[in-house]
Amino acid sequence: ILCRSQIVFGMQFADLFSLVLGNQGISECIALVVTITFGKTNQYDKIEYGSSVQHHDAEVCFISALAKNLFSRLHSEKRKTTRRKPH
């Protein structure tokens, strides 16, 4: 449910938060959670939640893909604002 196109395209950064899941093994397990307030799955105007946990293979992990996307956006926006214009 988290990766449906209508949810992803309407998602904003403020809709995301992380949640530590307890008793999931030796290492800490953190879930990425999104609040869903629109779309086909939310027909009754209730706040719903979608979640994703980290996959052991970074190439197919949704959280890793999101992190790479945000990292590249941050650096491309930073480059645009720090470039000097020729005189």
C-alpha atoms as a PDB file:
ATOM      1  CA  ILE A   1       0.000   0.000   0.000  1.00  0.00           C
ATOM      2  CA  LEU A   2       2.924   2.377   0.639  1.00  0.00           C
ATOM      3  CA  CYS A   3       4.175   2.389  -2.945  1.00  0.00           C
ATOM      4  CA  ARG A   4       0.913   2.923  -4.827  1.00  0.00           C
ATOM      5  CA  SER A   5       1.475   5.757  -7.288  1.00  0.00           C
ATOM      6  CA  GLN A   6      -1.417   7.869  -6.009  1.00  0.00           C
ATOM      7  CA  ILE A   7       0.036   7.742  -2.493  1.00  0.00           C
ATOM      8  CA  VAL A   8       3.651   8.350  -3.510  1.00  0.00           C
ATOM      9  CA  PHE A   9       2.829  11.309  -5.753  1.00  0.00           C
ATOM     10  CA  GLY A  10       0.686  12.961  -3.083  1.00  0.00           C
ATOM     11  CA  MET A  11       3.088  12.245  -0.235  1.00  0.00           C
ATOM     12  CA  GLN A  12       4.899  15.127   1.438  1.00  0.00           C
ATOM     13  CA  PHE A  13       7.980  15.006   3.632  1.00  0.00           C
ATOM     14  CA  ALA A  14       5.881  16.039   6.651  1.00  0.00           C
ATOM     15  CA  ASP A  15       3.775  12.872   6.213  1.00  0.00           C
ATOM     16  CA  LEU A  16       6.779  10.623   6.981  1.00  0.00           C
ATOM     17  CA  PHE A  17       8.069   9.573  10.376  1.00  0.00           C
ATOM     18  CA  SER A  18      10.092   6.710  11.820  1.00  0.00           C
ATOM     19  CA  LEU A  19       9.049   4.253  14.488  1.00  0.00           C
ATOM     20  CA  VAL A  20      11.312   1.925  16.458  1.00  0.00           C
ATOM     21  CA  LEU A  21       9.842  -1.587  16.582  1.00  0.00           C
ATOM     22  CA  GLY A  22      10.595  -3.400  19.810  1.00  0.00           C
ATOM     23  CA  ASN A  23      11.466  -7.079  20.309  1.00  0.00           C
ATOM     24  CA  GLN A  24      12.464  -7.701  16.688  1.00  0.00           C
ATOM     25  CA  GLY A  25      15.828  -9.344  17.235  1.00  0.00           C
ATOM     26  CA  ILE A  26      19.369  -8.322  18.082  1.00  0.00           C
ATOM     27  CA  SER A  27      19.626  -5.175  15.981  1.00  0.00           C
ATOM     28  CA  GLU A  28      17.311  -2.196  16.213  1.00  0.00           C
ATOM     29  CA  CYS A  29      14.416  -2.328  13.737  1.00  0.00           C
ATOM     30  CA  ILE A  30      13.144   1.024  12.474  1.00  0.00           C
ATOM     31  CA  ALA A  31      10.027   1.328  10.315  1.00  0.00           C
ATOM     32  CA  LEU A  32       9.280   4.185   7.942  1.00  0.00           C
ATOM     33  CA  VAL A  33       5.649   5.222   8.410  1.00  0.00           C
ATOM     34  CA  VAL A  34       3.538   7.548   6.253  1.00  0.00           C
ATOM     35  CA  THR A  35       0.193   9.073   7.150  1.00  0.00           C
ATOM     36  CA  ILE A  36      -2.344   8.651   4.348  1.00  0.00           C
ATOM     37  CA  THR A  37      -5.206  11.136   4.269  1.00  0.00           C
ATOM     38  CA  PHE A  38      -6.258  10.785   0.602  1.00  0.00           C
ATOM     39  CA  GLY A  39      -6.592   8.288  -2.236  1.00  0.00           C
ATOM     40  CA  LYS A  40      -8.689   5.248  -3.136  1.00  0.00           C
ATOM     41  CA  THR A  41      -7.739   3.362   0.008  1.00  0.00           C
ATOM     42  CA  ASN A  42      -8.945   6.220   2.222  1.00  0.00           C
ATOM     43  CA  GLN A  43     -12.604   6.609   1.256  1.00  0.00           C
ATOM     44  CA  TYR A  44     -13.922   7.532   4.706  1.00  0.00           C
ATOM     45  CA  ASP A  45     -11.609  10.510   5.488  1.00  0.00           C
ATOM     46  CA  LYS A  46      -9.833   8.666   8.287  1.00  0.00           C
ATOM     47  CA  ILE A  47      -6.098   8.903   8.892  1.00  0.00           C
ATOM     48  CA  GLU A  48      -4.501   5.673   7.742  1.00  0.00           C
ATOM     49  CA  TYR A  49      -0.887   4.580   7.972  1.00  0.00           C
ATOM     50  CA  GLY A  50       1.387   2.778   5.544  1.00  0.00           C
ATOM     51  CA  SER A  51       4.742   1.413   6.617  1.00  0.00           C
ATOM     52  CA  SER A  52       7.924  -0.130   5.330  1.00  0.00           C
ATOM     53  CA  VAL A  53      10.845  -1.768   7.098  1.00  0.00           C
ATOM     54  CA  GLN A  54      14.405  -1.965   5.871  1.00  0.00           C
ATOM     55  CA  HIS A  55      15.181  -4.847   3.523  1.00  0.00           C
ATOM     56  CA  HIS A  56      18.472  -6.710   3.959  1.00  0.00           C
ATOM     57  CA  ASP A  57      19.288  -6.139   0.258  1.00  0.00           C
ATOM     58  CA  ALA A  58      19.941  -2.410  -0.236  1.00  0.00           C
ATOM     59  CA  GLU A  59      19.150  -2.603  -3.967  1.00  0.00           C
ATOM     60  CA  VAL A  60      15.490  -3.462  -3.352  1.00  0.00           C
ATOM     61  CA  CYS A  61      15.006  -1.579  -0.084  1.00  0.00           C
ATOM     62  CA  PHE A  62      12.366   1.170  -0.231  1.00  0.00           C
ATOM     63  CA  ILE A  63      13.983   3.069   2.642  1.00  0.00           C
ATOM     64  CA  SER A  64      17.408   3.018   0.947  1.00  0.00           C
ATOM     65  CA  ALA A  65      15.842   4.245  -2.303  1.00  0.00           C
ATOM     66  CA  LEU A  66      14.124   7.100  -0.475  1.00  0.00           C
ATOM     67  CA  ALA A  67      17.358   8.010   1.315  1.00  0.00           C
ATOM     68  CA  LYS A  68      19.282   8.087  -1.982  1.00  0.00           C
ATOM     69  CA  ASN A  69      16.573  10.221  -3.581  1.00  0.00           C
ATOM     70  CA  LEU A  70      16.534  12.741  -0.724  1.00  0.00           C
ATOM     71  CA  PHE A  71      20.341  12.829  -0.624  1.00  0.00           C
ATOM     72  CA  SER A  72      20.609  13.540  -4.355  1.00  0.00           C
ATOM     73  CA  ARG A  73      17.879  16.200  -4.197  1.00  0.00           C
ATOM     74  CA  LEU A  74      19.563  17.917  -1.271  1.00  0.00           C
ATOM     75  CA  HIS A  75      22.897  18.041  -3.050  1.00  0.00           C
ATOM     76  CA  SER A  76      21.470  19.169  -6.394  1.00  0.00           C
ATOM     77  CA  GLU A  77      19.496  21.972  -4.708  1.00  0.00           C
ATOM     78  CA  LYS A  78      22.561  22.923  -2.688  1.00  0.00           C
ATOM     79  CA  ARG A  79      24.636  23.143  -5.872  1.00  0.00           C
ATOM     80  CA  LYS A  80      22.030  25.335  -7.552  1.00  0.00           C
ATOM     81  CA  THR A  81      22.007  27.837  -4.683  1.00  0.00           C
ATOM     82  CA  THR A  82      25.777  27.958  -4.184  1.00  0.00           C
ATOM     83  CA  ARG A  83      26.804  28.479  -7.810  1.00  0.00           C
ATOM     84  CA  ARG A  84      28.252  31.872  -8.522  1.00  0.00           C
ATOM     85  CA  LYS A  85      27.005  33.819 -11.480  1.00  0.00           C
ATOM     86  CA  PRO A  86      29.670  35.178 -13.837  1.00  0.00           C
ATOM     87  CA  HIS A  87      30.186  38.943 -13.646  1.00  0.00           C
END
